[in-house]
Amino acid sequence: MNLDSHERKILALLQEDCSLSAAEIAERVGLSTTPCWRRIQRLREAGIIAKQVALVDRRKIGLNAQIFAQVKLNAHGRQHLDEFTAAIRGFPEVLEAYVLMGPVDFLLRIVAADIEAYERFFFDKLSKLDGVQEINSIAALSEVKYTTSLPVDQA
C-alpha cells in the first residue's frame, strides 16, 4: 500500500497517542472526519496498524533491570530452532528476540525486577534450553532513547 502524506501524518499521530478520536486526527492532518476515519480503517485492514496498545513504564511496575542477551546455539541447537524460538516466545521476561547473522544466533531484550531476578531467569530458564552453547548478558545502565514510533515520514 502506497501511503500519501495524510496517511503518514495519521500514522505519526496514532503512534504518539492512539486514544485520539478520528475527529481530532482529522483536524490535525487537514481532513474532514469521515474520510479520515475511512483512511484509518484502511490502514487497519491492510495490517499497517497492527494493533493499538497502552505502553506501560516498566520501571513504575518494578521491572528495573533491562538486559540484552546474546545467545549462541550449538550445532544440535540450530537443528531445533523452532523449539528454541517457541520457548523464547513463551518467556514473558523476553520482550524482543531477533535471529542474527554473525558470531551469535539470537539477541534478546529481557526485563526483570533486578539483577538477582535476571540471574534466576538465566539459570532456571534460559540456560536450560536445549542447544544453548553460550549466553553473553549485557546489563543496560540507563536508557538514552526508547520509542515505539517508526519514522513513517522517511519510509
C-alpha atoms as a PDB file:
ATOM      1  CA  MET A   1       0.000   0.000   0.000  1.00  0.00           C
ATOM      2  CA  ASN A   2       1.433   3.360  -1.026  1.00  0.00           C
ATOM      3  CA  LEU A   3       0.942   5.897   1.722  1.00  0.00           C
ATOM      4  CA  ASP A   4       0.142   9.513   0.961  1.00  0.00           C
ATOM      5  CA  SER A   5       1.106  12.431   3.185  1.00  0.00           C
ATOM      6  CA  HIS A   6      -2.229  12.375   5.060  1.00  0.00           C
ATOM      7  CA  GLU A   7      -1.844   8.678   5.900  1.00  0.00           C
ATOM      8  CA  ARG A   8       1.738   9.224   7.056  1.00  0.00           C
ATOM      9  CA  LYS A   9       0.569  12.056   9.329  1.00  0.00           C
ATOM     10  CA  ILE A  10      -2.241   9.844  10.654  1.00  0.00           C
ATOM     11  CA  LEU A  11       0.239   7.082  11.459  1.00  0.00           C
ATOM     12  CA  ALA A  12       2.624   9.506  13.163  1.00  0.00           C
ATOM     13  CA  LEU A  13      -0.196  10.853  15.347  1.00  0.00           C
ATOM     14  CA  LEU A  14      -1.530   7.404  16.244  1.00  0.00           C
ATOM     15  CA  GLN A  15       1.961   6.220  17.194  1.00  0.00           C
ATOM     16  CA  GLU A  16       2.182   9.050  19.710  1.00  0.00           C
ATOM     17  CA  ASP A  17      -1.382   8.803  21.060  1.00  0.00           C
ATOM     18  CA  CYS A  18      -3.774   6.135  19.834  1.00  0.00           C
ATOM     19  CA  SER A  19      -6.537   7.486  22.067  1.00  0.00           C
ATOM     20  CA  LEU A  20      -7.100  10.434  19.720  1.00  0.00           C
ATOM     21  CA  SER A  21     -10.531  10.432  18.104  1.00  0.00           C
ATOM     22  CA  ALA A  22     -10.947  10.395  14.345  1.00  0.00           C
ATOM     23  CA  ALA A  23     -12.193  13.994  14.591  1.00  0.00           C
ATOM     24  CA  GLU A  24      -9.054  15.105  16.468  1.00  0.00           C
ATOM     25  CA  ILE A  25      -6.803  13.331  13.978  1.00  0.00           C
ATOM     26  CA  ALA A  26      -8.758  14.747  11.029  1.00  0.00           C
ATOM     27  CA  GLU A  27      -8.354  18.287  12.348  1.00  0.00           C
ATOM     28  CA  ARG A  28      -4.597  17.848  12.806  1.00  0.00           C
ATOM     29  CA  VAL A  29      -3.989  16.363   9.344  1.00  0.00           C
ATOM     30  CA  GLY A  30      -6.319  18.664   7.441  1.00  0.00           C
ATOM     31  CA  LEU A  31      -9.143  16.259   6.543  1.00  0.00           C
ATOM     32  CA  SER A  32     -12.796  16.024   7.445  1.00  0.00           C
ATOM     33  CA  THR A  33     -13.738  13.338   9.955  1.00  0.00           C
ATOM     34  CA  THR A  34     -15.348  10.731   7.690  1.00  0.00           C
ATOM     35  CA  PRO A  35     -12.523  10.492   5.111  1.00  0.00           C
ATOM     36  CA  CYS A  36     -10.002  10.420   7.943  1.00  0.00           C
ATOM     37  CA  TRP A  37     -11.896   7.589   9.673  1.00  0.00           C
ATOM     38  CA  ARG A  38     -12.010   5.674   6.358  1.00  0.00           C
ATOM     39  CA  ARG A  39      -8.242   6.045   5.950  1.00  0.00           C
ATOM     40  CA  ILE A  40      -7.674   4.769   9.480  1.00  0.00           C
ATOM     41  CA  GLN A  41      -9.893   1.766   8.750  1.00  0.00           C
ATOM     42  CA  ARG A  42      -7.973   1.039   5.515  1.00  0.00           C
ATOM     43  CA  LEU A  43      -4.685   1.221   7.429  1.00  0.00           C
ATOM     44  CA  ARG A  44      -6.067  -1.305   9.927  1.00  0.00           C
ATOM     45  CA  GLU A  45      -7.433  -3.619   7.233  1.00  0.00           C
ATOM     46  CA  ALA A  46      -4.106  -3.524   5.382  1.00  0.00           C
ATOM     47  CA  GLY A  47      -2.323  -4.525   8.576  1.00  0.00           C
ATOM     48  CA  ILE A  48      -0.261  -1.330   8.661  1.00  0.00           C
ATOM     49  CA  ILE A  49      -1.867  -0.545  12.005  1.00  0.00           C
ATOM     50  CA  ALA A  50      -1.163  -3.924  13.582  1.00  0.00           C
ATOM     51  CA  LYS A  51      -2.711  -3.188  16.984  1.00  0.00           C
ATOM     52  CA  GLN A  52      -3.335  -0.402  19.444  1.00  0.00           C
ATOM     53  CA  VAL A  53      -1.924  -0.800  22.935  1.00  0.00           C
ATOM     54  CA  ALA A  54      -1.112   1.065  26.127  1.00  0.00           C
ATOM     55  CA  LEU A  55       2.627   1.401  26.754  1.00  0.00           C
ATOM     56  CA  VAL A  56       3.481   0.674  30.378  1.00  0.00           C
ATOM     57  CA  ASP A  57       6.521   2.230  32.042  1.00  0.00           C
ATOM     58  CA  ARG A  58       8.466  -0.861  33.114  1.00  0.00           C
ATOM     59  CA  ARG A  59      10.221   0.947  35.971  1.00  0.00           C
ATOM     60  CA  LYS A  60       6.952   2.102  37.518  1.00  0.00           C
ATOM     61  CA  ILE A  61       5.811  -1.507  37.822  1.00  0.00           C
ATOM     62  CA  GLY A  62       9.105  -2.685  39.273  1.00  0.00           C
ATOM     63  CA  LEU A  63      10.951  -4.012  36.209  1.00  0.00           C
ATOM     64  CA  ASN A  64      14.131  -2.035  36.815  1.00  0.00           C
ATOM     65  CA  ALA A  65      16.677  -4.230  35.038  1.00  0.00           C
ATOM     66  CA  GLN A  66      16.965  -4.391  31.276  1.00  0.00           C
ATOM     67  CA  ILE A  67      19.363  -6.955  29.875  1.00  0.00           C
ATOM     68  CA  PHE A  68      20.445  -7.778  26.356  1.00  0.00           C
ATOM     69  CA  ALA A  69      21.461 -11.412  25.950  1.00  0.00           C
ATOM     70  CA  GLN A  70      23.418 -12.720  23.010  1.00  0.00           C
ATOM     71  CA  VAL A  71      22.703 -16.424  22.594  1.00  0.00           C
ATOM     72  CA  LYS A  72      24.817 -18.824  20.585  1.00  0.00           C
ATOM     73  CA  LEU A  73      23.411 -22.253  19.816  1.00  0.00           C
ATOM     74  CA  ASN A  74      25.476 -25.358  19.264  1.00  0.00           C
ATOM     75  CA  ALA A  75      25.055 -27.385  16.068  1.00  0.00           C
ATOM     76  CA  HIS A  76      22.386 -29.533  17.736  1.00  0.00           C
ATOM     77  CA  GLY A  77      20.566 -26.403  18.822  1.00  0.00           C
ATOM     78  CA  ARG A  78      20.445 -24.998  15.296  1.00  0.00           C
ATOM     79  CA  GLN A  79      18.659 -28.168  14.178  1.00  0.00           C
ATOM     80  CA  HIS A  80      15.905 -27.376  16.673  1.00  0.00           C
ATOM     81  CA  LEU A  81      15.475 -23.651  16.004  1.00  0.00           C
ATOM     82  CA  ASP A  82      11.678 -23.929  16.074  1.00  0.00           C
ATOM     83  CA  GLU A  83      11.753 -25.395  19.591  1.00  0.00           C
ATOM     84  CA  PHE A  84      14.146 -22.713  20.810  1.00  0.00           C
ATOM     85  CA  THR A  85      12.081 -19.884  19.316  1.00  0.00           C
ATOM     86  CA  ALA A  86       8.864 -21.337  20.759  1.00  0.00           C
ATOM     87  CA  ALA A  87      10.472 -21.484  24.209  1.00  0.00           C
ATOM     88  CA  ILE A  88      11.690 -17.886  23.924  1.00  0.00           C
ATOM     89  CA  ARG A  89       8.224 -16.739  22.843  1.00  0.00           C
ATOM     90  CA  GLY A  90       6.828 -18.368  25.972  1.00  0.00           C
ATOM     91  CA  PHE A  91       9.019 -16.379  28.369  1.00  0.00           C
ATOM     92  CA  PRO A  92       7.230 -13.145  29.354  1.00  0.00           C
ATOM     93  CA  GLU A  93      10.570 -11.707  30.502  1.00  0.00           C
ATOM     94  CA  VAL A  94      11.760 -11.695  26.873  1.00  0.00           C
ATOM     95  CA  LEU A  95      10.306  -8.607  25.196  1.00  0.00           C
ATOM     96  CA  GLU A  96      12.140  -8.895  21.893  1.00  0.00           C
ATOM     97  CA  ALA A  97      14.065 -11.653  20.143  1.00  0.00           C
ATOM     98  CA  TYR A  98      15.980 -11.448  16.884  1.00  0.00           C
ATOM     99  CA  VAL A  99      17.768 -14.064  14.803  1.00  0.00           C
ATOM    100  CA  LEU A 100      21.163 -12.678  13.825  1.00  0.00           C
ATOM    101  CA  MET A 101      23.840 -13.252  11.249  1.00  0.00           C
ATOM    102  CA  GLY A 102      27.333 -13.383  12.684  1.00  0.00           C
ATOM    103  CA  PRO A 103      29.033 -14.902  15.712  1.00  0.00           C
ATOM    104  CA  VAL A 104      25.822 -15.216  17.781  1.00  0.00           C
ATOM    105  CA  ASP A 105      22.450 -16.607  16.755  1.00  0.00           C
ATOM    106  CA  PHE A 106      19.980 -14.544  18.805  1.00  0.00           C
ATOM    107  CA  LEU A 107      19.733 -11.182  20.501  1.00  0.00           C
ATOM    108  CA  LEU A 108      17.169 -10.989  23.297  1.00  0.00           C
ATOM    109  CA  ARG A 109      15.879  -7.971  25.203  1.00  0.00           C
ATOM    110  CA  ILE A 110      14.880  -9.098  28.665  1.00  0.00           C
ATOM    111  CA  VAL A 111      13.374  -7.247  31.629  1.00  0.00           C
ATOM    112  CA  ALA A 112      13.473  -8.275  35.269  1.00  0.00           C
ATOM    113  CA  ALA A 113      12.867  -6.711  38.653  1.00  0.00           C
ATOM    114  CA  ASP A 114      16.601  -6.597  39.341  1.00  0.00           C
ATOM    115  CA  ILE A 115      19.836  -8.397  38.517  1.00  0.00           C
ATOM    116  CA  GLU A 116      19.046 -11.154  41.024  1.00  0.00           C
ATOM    117  CA  ALA A 117      15.735 -11.811  39.249  1.00  0.00           C
ATOM    118  CA  TYR A 118      17.559 -11.924  35.927  1.00  0.00           C
ATOM    119  CA  GLU A 119      20.065 -14.365  37.419  1.00  0.00           C
ATOM    120  CA  ARG A 120      17.186 -16.684  38.402  1.00  0.00           C
ATOM    121  CA  PHE A 121      15.707 -16.390  34.890  1.00  0.00           C
ATOM    122  CA  PHE A 122      19.144 -17.070  33.396  1.00  0.00           C
ATOM    123  CA  PHE A 123      19.840 -20.202  35.466  1.00  0.00           C
ATOM    124  CA  ASP A 124      16.299 -21.577  35.767  1.00  0.00           C
ATOM    125  CA  LYS A 125      15.049 -20.982  32.221  1.00  0.00           C
ATOM    126  CA  LEU A 126      17.337 -19.516  29.564  1.00  0.00           C
ATOM    127  CA  SER A 127      20.474 -21.567  30.150  1.00  0.00           C
ATOM    128  CA  LYS A 128      18.461 -24.795  30.430  1.00  0.00           C
ATOM    129  CA  LEU A 129      17.118 -24.619  26.872  1.00  0.00           C
ATOM    130  CA  ASP A 130      18.338 -27.426  24.628  1.00  0.00           C
ATOM    131  CA  GLY A 131      21.093 -26.435  22.259  1.00  0.00           C
ATOM    132  CA  VAL A 132      22.297 -23.326  24.078  1.00  0.00           C
ATOM    133  CA  GLN A 133      26.072 -23.196  23.821  1.00  0.00           C
ATOM    134  CA  GLU A 134      26.807 -19.721  25.149  1.00  0.00           C
ATOM    135  CA  ILE A 135      24.977 -16.703  26.571  1.00  0.00           C
ATOM    136  CA  ASN A 136      26.563 -13.275  26.934  1.00  0.00           C
ATOM    137  CA  SER A 137      24.471 -10.930  29.049  1.00  0.00           C
ATOM    138  CA  ILE A 138      24.803  -7.172  28.871  1.00  0.00           C
ATOM    139  CA  ALA A 139      23.002  -5.083  31.502  1.00  0.00           C
ATOM    140  CA  ALA A 140      21.820  -1.659  30.373  1.00  0.00           C
ATOM    141  CA  LEU A 141      22.827   1.029  32.857  1.00  0.00           C
ATOM    142  CA  SER A 142      20.478   3.714  31.576  1.00  0.00           C
ATOM    143  CA  GLU A 143      18.076   4.304  28.739  1.00  0.00           C
ATOM    144  CA  VAL A 144      19.169   7.089  26.411  1.00  0.00           C
ATOM    145  CA  LYS A 145      16.344   6.679  23.904  1.00  0.00           C
ATOM    146  CA  TYR A 146      13.281   4.481  23.775  1.00  0.00           C
ATOM    147  CA  THR A 147      10.484   4.795  21.268  1.00  0.00           C
ATOM    148  CA  THR A 148       7.966   2.604  19.562  1.00  0.00           C
ATOM    149  CA  SER A 149       7.283   5.212  16.870  1.00  0.00           C
ATOM    150  CA  LEU A 150       8.512   4.366  13.391  1.00  0.00           C
ATOM    151  CA  PRO A 151       9.789   7.215  11.197  1.00  0.00           C
ATOM    152  CA  VAL A 152       6.843   6.989   8.788  1.00  0.00           C
ATOM    153  CA  ASP A 153       7.802  10.202   7.021  1.00  0.00           C
ATOM    154  CA  GLN A 154      11.090   8.605   5.922  1.00  0.00           C
ATOM    155  CA  ALA A 155       9.669   5.354   4.550  1.00  0.00           C
END
